[in-house]
Amino acid sequence: MKKLSYWKSRKEWKRLTQGMNPDQVARLKQGISQGDEATIASITNIRTEQRAHLQEHGSDDNKFIPLIGNEIAWSDVLSMVFLISHFDRNGTVITNFEDVKAKSQNEPYGYLIVVSPTLNQPVSLPIIHKDDFILAASVYDNPYAMQVNEEQGREFLVTYQPQKTTKDGRSATPAHCLHYALVPRGTLKNYYVDDTRMSRPEPKLLFGEFIYSGEIRVQVMA
């Protein structure tokens, strides 16, 4: 097992800790400092936690997860409301405020594993705008925000709604296209109690008016 100094000095460290929350990263560092067996145990426990979290929200990371834009058309998910179950940073880092560095210009900044009553399985939603990556990271990188999620039973929701779209549903402007909301647990289920919203979405009920320029933020519903 490689030492912590190795992981910190190479891209493998970022890859190893991808998707981990601050507490899990701290536990991994502690395990590495205690030797090989403790490191392996830490990684195993953290991966088990992550898998359990995905399965709790209807996902299994051992199964194939369709990618929006490939297996699923963008037009098919336009205005659909999703519950975010996992944030995959895809190697993207924020070095300073709004200074976002992706690992490749040819790949999305990251991916959101999402679920919805409108689909029969979890799907992967690419994050194609840096502002949308920053908003997602602002929740996952804030220990207090994540603690509030757990204590108050909040859901982290997202909807894909560009300012303008092409015929196949892709964003037709440089503006960001994902909108987020922190809402009480059960909000998504209650939203889809009215099954007409599967064919006629009303995302503004949860996300408010869509903002495409100026200050954008995560909508918080009490």
Protein backbone atom coordinates (compact mmCIF):
# COMPACT_ATOMS: atom_id res chain seq x y z
CA MET A 1 0.00 0.00 0.00
CA LYS A 2 1.35 3.41 -1.01
CA LYS A 3 2.11 5.99 1.68
CA LEU A 4 0.13 9.21 2.11
CA SER A 5 3.02 11.22 0.64
CA TYR A 6 2.61 9.26 -2.60
CA TRP A 7 -1.15 9.80 -2.81
CA LYS A 8 -0.88 13.55 -2.13
CA SER A 9 1.74 14.07 -4.81
CA ARG A 10 -0.13 12.34 -7.62
CA LYS A 11 -3.45 12.35 -9.42
CA GLU A 12 -4.23 9.00 -7.78
CA TRP A 13 -5.00 10.82 -4.52
CA LYS A 14 -7.74 12.86 -6.18
CA ARG A 15 -9.06 9.75 -7.89
CA LEU A 16 -8.96 7.76 -4.64
CA THR A 17 -10.89 10.40 -2.69
CA GLN A 18 -13.37 11.24 -5.46
CA GLY A 19 -16.89 11.33 -4.06
CA MET A 20 -15.74 11.21 -0.43
CA ASN A 21 -17.02 13.73 2.07
CA PRO A 22 -14.58 15.61 4.38
CA ASP A 23 -15.07 13.14 7.23
CA GLN A 24 -14.26 10.16 4.99
CA VAL A 25 -11.12 11.87 3.64
CA ALA A 26 -9.96 12.56 7.21
CA ARG A 27 -10.53 8.94 8.20
CA LEU A 28 -8.62 7.75 5.16
CA LYS A 29 -5.65 9.95 6.05
CA GLN A 30 -5.70 8.57 9.58
CA GLY A 31 -5.77 5.02 8.25
CA ILE A 32 -2.81 5.66 5.95
CA SER A 33 -0.82 7.10 8.85
CA GLN A 34 -1.38 3.84 10.75
CA GLY A 35 -0.07 1.50 8.07
CA ASP A 36 -1.19 -0.78 5.25
CA GLU A 37 -3.82 -2.81 7.07
CA ALA A 38 -5.51 0.29 8.50
CA THR A 39 -5.45 1.93 5.06
CA ILE A 40 -7.13 -1.05 3.41
CA ALA A 41 -9.72 -1.19 6.20
CA SER A 42 -10.47 2.54 5.82
CA ILE A 43 -10.93 2.30 2.05
CA THR A 44 -13.13 -0.79 2.41
CA ASN A 45 -15.35 0.83 5.04
CA ILE A 46 -15.72 4.07 3.07
CA ARG A 47 -16.59 2.24 -0.16
CA THR A 48 -19.17 0.21 1.77
CA GLU A 49 -20.72 3.43 3.11
CA GLN A 50 -20.86 4.96 -0.37
CA ARG A 51 -22.44 1.83 -1.85
CA ALA A 52 -25.03 1.71 0.94
CA HIS A 53 -25.87 5.38 0.34
CA LEU A 54 -26.44 4.77 -3.36
CA GLN A 55 -28.54 1.67 -2.71
CA GLU A 56 -30.64 3.57 -0.16
CA HIS A 57 -31.62 5.98 -2.91
CA GLY A 58 -32.40 3.25 -5.41
CA SER A 59 -28.94 2.88 -6.93
CA ASP A 60 -26.41 0.05 -7.15
CA ASP A 61 -22.96 1.03 -8.36
CA ASN A 62 -22.39 -2.53 -9.62
CA LYS A 63 -25.11 -2.05 -12.24
CA PHE A 64 -24.93 -0.19 -15.53
CA ILE A 65 -26.05 3.43 -15.17
CA PRO A 66 -27.27 5.06 -18.42
CA LEU A 67 -25.68 8.38 -19.34
CA ILE A 68 -27.88 11.30 -20.35
CA GLY A 69 -26.67 12.50 -23.74
CA ASN A 70 -25.68 8.96 -24.77
CA GLU A 71 -28.19 6.26 -23.81
CA ILE A 72 -30.86 8.84 -22.89
CA ALA A 73 -31.65 11.92 -24.98
CA TRP A 74 -31.37 15.35 -23.38
CA SER A 75 -34.85 16.13 -24.67
CA ASP A 76 -36.25 13.21 -22.65
CA VAL A 77 -35.17 14.73 -19.32
CA LEU A 78 -35.91 18.38 -20.03
CA SER A 79 -37.54 19.96 -16.93
CA MET A 80 -37.63 16.59 -15.15
CA VAL A 81 -37.00 16.78 -11.38
CA PHE A 82 -34.33 14.45 -9.98
CA LEU A 83 -33.04 13.49 -6.54
CA ILE A 84 -29.23 13.63 -6.41
CA SER A 85 -27.77 10.53 -4.79
CA HIS A 86 -24.08 10.94 -5.69
CA PHE A 87 -21.70 13.64 -6.95
CA ASP A 88 -18.86 12.40 -9.19
CA ARG A 89 -16.30 15.20 -9.64
CA ASN A 90 -14.59 13.45 -12.58
CA GLY A 91 -11.22 14.87 -11.51
CA THR A 92 -12.37 18.50 -11.61
CA VAL A 93 -11.05 20.77 -8.85
CA ILE A 94 -11.83 24.29 -7.66
CA THR A 95 -8.51 25.94 -6.84
CA ASN A 96 -9.87 29.36 -5.92
CA PHE A 97 -13.30 30.90 -5.89
CA GLU A 98 -14.83 30.17 -9.30
CA ASP A 99 -11.46 28.95 -10.61
CA VAL A 100 -12.58 25.57 -11.94
CA LYS A 101 -10.08 23.21 -13.55
CA ALA A 102 -11.43 20.15 -15.37
CA LYS A 103 -9.18 17.18 -16.04
CA SER A 104 -10.05 17.36 -19.76
CA GLN A 105 -11.63 19.84 -22.14
CA ASN A 106 -13.37 16.93 -23.83
CA GLU A 107 -15.23 15.62 -20.78
CA PRO A 108 -17.95 17.03 -18.50
CA TYR A 109 -16.86 18.79 -15.31
CA GLY A 110 -18.54 15.99 -13.38
CA TYR A 111 -21.60 13.79 -13.13
CA LEU A 112 -24.64 13.57 -10.87
CA ILE A 113 -26.13 10.15 -10.20
CA VAL A 114 -29.84 10.91 -10.01
CA VAL A 115 -33.15 9.12 -9.54
CA SER A 116 -36.74 10.08 -10.27
CA PRO A 117 -40.19 8.46 -10.23
CA THR A 118 -40.26 9.19 -13.97
CA LEU A 119 -37.45 6.67 -14.62
CA ASN A 120 -37.08 3.00 -13.73
CA GLN A 121 -33.42 3.22 -12.66
CA PRO A 122 -30.69 5.70 -11.66
CA VAL A 123 -29.07 7.67 -14.47
CA SER A 124 -25.94 9.79 -14.82
CA LEU A 125 -26.44 13.51 -15.50
CA PRO A 126 -23.34 15.24 -16.95
CA ILE A 127 -22.37 18.63 -15.51
CA ILE A 128 -21.41 20.62 -18.59
CA HIS A 129 -21.14 24.14 -17.15
CA LYS A 130 -18.62 25.24 -14.53
CA ASP A 131 -21.21 27.26 -12.58
CA ASP A 132 -23.35 24.15 -12.21
CA PHE A 133 -20.31 22.29 -10.89
CA ILE A 134 -19.61 25.08 -8.38
CA LEU A 135 -23.19 24.98 -7.08
CA ALA A 136 -23.11 21.21 -6.56
CA ALA A 137 -19.70 21.44 -4.87
CA SER A 138 -20.95 24.24 -2.61
CA VAL A 139 -23.28 21.74 -0.98
CA TYR A 140 -21.00 18.70 -0.95
CA ASP A 141 -17.96 20.68 0.25
CA ASN A 142 -19.82 22.34 3.11
CA PRO A 143 -19.83 20.04 6.17
CA TYR A 144 -22.53 22.16 7.81
CA ALA A 145 -24.79 21.99 4.78
CA MET A 146 -24.43 18.21 4.61
CA GLN A 147 -25.11 17.95 8.36
CA VAL A 148 -28.26 20.02 7.94
CA ASN A 149 -29.30 17.66 5.14
CA GLU A 150 -29.11 14.66 7.47
CA GLU A 151 -30.57 16.26 10.59
CA GLN A 152 -33.48 17.96 8.90
CA GLY A 153 -34.05 15.17 6.39
CA ARG A 154 -33.45 17.28 3.31
CA GLU A 155 -33.29 16.17 -0.31
CA PHE A 156 -30.93 17.70 -2.87
CA LEU A 157 -32.86 18.10 -6.12
CA VAL A 158 -31.82 19.13 -9.62
CA THR A 159 -33.54 19.86 -12.90
CA TYR A 160 -32.13 20.31 -16.41
CA GLN A 161 -33.57 23.46 -17.98
CA PRO A 162 -31.34 25.45 -20.38
CA GLN A 163 -32.19 29.01 -21.36
CA LYS A 164 -32.64 27.79 -24.93
CA THR A 165 -32.43 24.31 -26.43
CA THR A 166 -31.65 22.66 -29.75
CA LYS A 167 -34.10 20.22 -31.34
CA ASP A 168 -32.53 17.32 -29.46
CA GLY A 169 -32.74 19.12 -26.13
CA ARG A 170 -29.12 20.22 -25.79
CA SER A 171 -28.29 23.64 -24.39
CA ALA A 172 -28.12 26.23 -27.17
CA THR A 173 -26.53 29.06 -25.16
CA PRO A 174 -23.38 29.49 -23.03
CA ALA A 175 -25.54 29.95 -19.91
CA HIS A 176 -25.66 27.32 -17.17
CA CYS A 177 -28.47 24.78 -17.44
CA LEU A 178 -28.87 22.96 -14.11
CA HIS A 179 -30.96 24.32 -11.25
CA TYR A 180 -30.72 23.03 -7.67
CA ALA A 181 -32.91 22.98 -4.58
CA LEU A 182 -32.51 21.77 -0.99
CA VAL A 183 -35.98 20.71 0.13
CA PRO A 184 -37.59 18.72 2.97
CA ARG A 185 -37.50 14.94 2.62
CA GLY A 186 -40.47 13.60 0.70
CA THR A 187 -40.79 16.68 -1.52
CA LEU A 188 -39.97 14.81 -4.74
CA LYS A 189 -42.50 12.07 -3.97
CA ASN A 190 -45.19 14.64 -3.18
CA TYR A 191 -44.38 16.58 -6.33
CA TYR A 192 -45.06 13.51 -8.47
CA VAL A 193 -48.26 12.57 -6.62
CA ASP A 194 -49.84 14.53 -9.45
CA ASP A 195 -48.80 12.16 -12.26
CA THR A 196 -49.62 14.76 -14.92
CA ARG A 197 -46.26 16.35 -14.02
CA MET A 198 -44.51 13.41 -15.68
CA SER A 199 -45.69 14.72 -19.03
CA ARG A 200 -46.24 18.38 -18.08
CA PRO A 201 -43.47 19.31 -15.60
CA GLU A 202 -43.80 22.28 -13.23
CA PRO A 203 -40.22 22.58 -11.92
CA LYS A 204 -40.64 26.23 -10.92
CA LEU A 205 -42.80 25.04 -8.02
CA LEU A 206 -39.57 23.68 -6.48
CA PHE A 207 -36.81 25.78 -8.02
CA GLY A 208 -38.48 29.17 -8.37
CA GLU A 209 -37.85 31.38 -11.38
CA PHE A 210 -34.90 30.15 -13.41
CA ILE A 211 -31.92 32.52 -13.32
CA TYR A 212 -29.34 32.38 -16.12
CA SER A 213 -27.13 35.38 -15.40
CA GLY A 214 -25.93 37.35 -12.40
CA GLU A 215 -26.02 35.63 -9.02
CA ILE A 216 -27.22 32.05 -9.19
CA ARG A 217 -27.71 29.89 -6.11
CA VAL A 218 -29.16 26.71 -4.68
CA GLN A 219 -32.84 27.25 -3.87
CA VAL A 220 -33.59 26.39 -0.21
CA MET A 221 -37.13 25.41 0.75
CA ALA A 222 -38.01 25.46 4.44
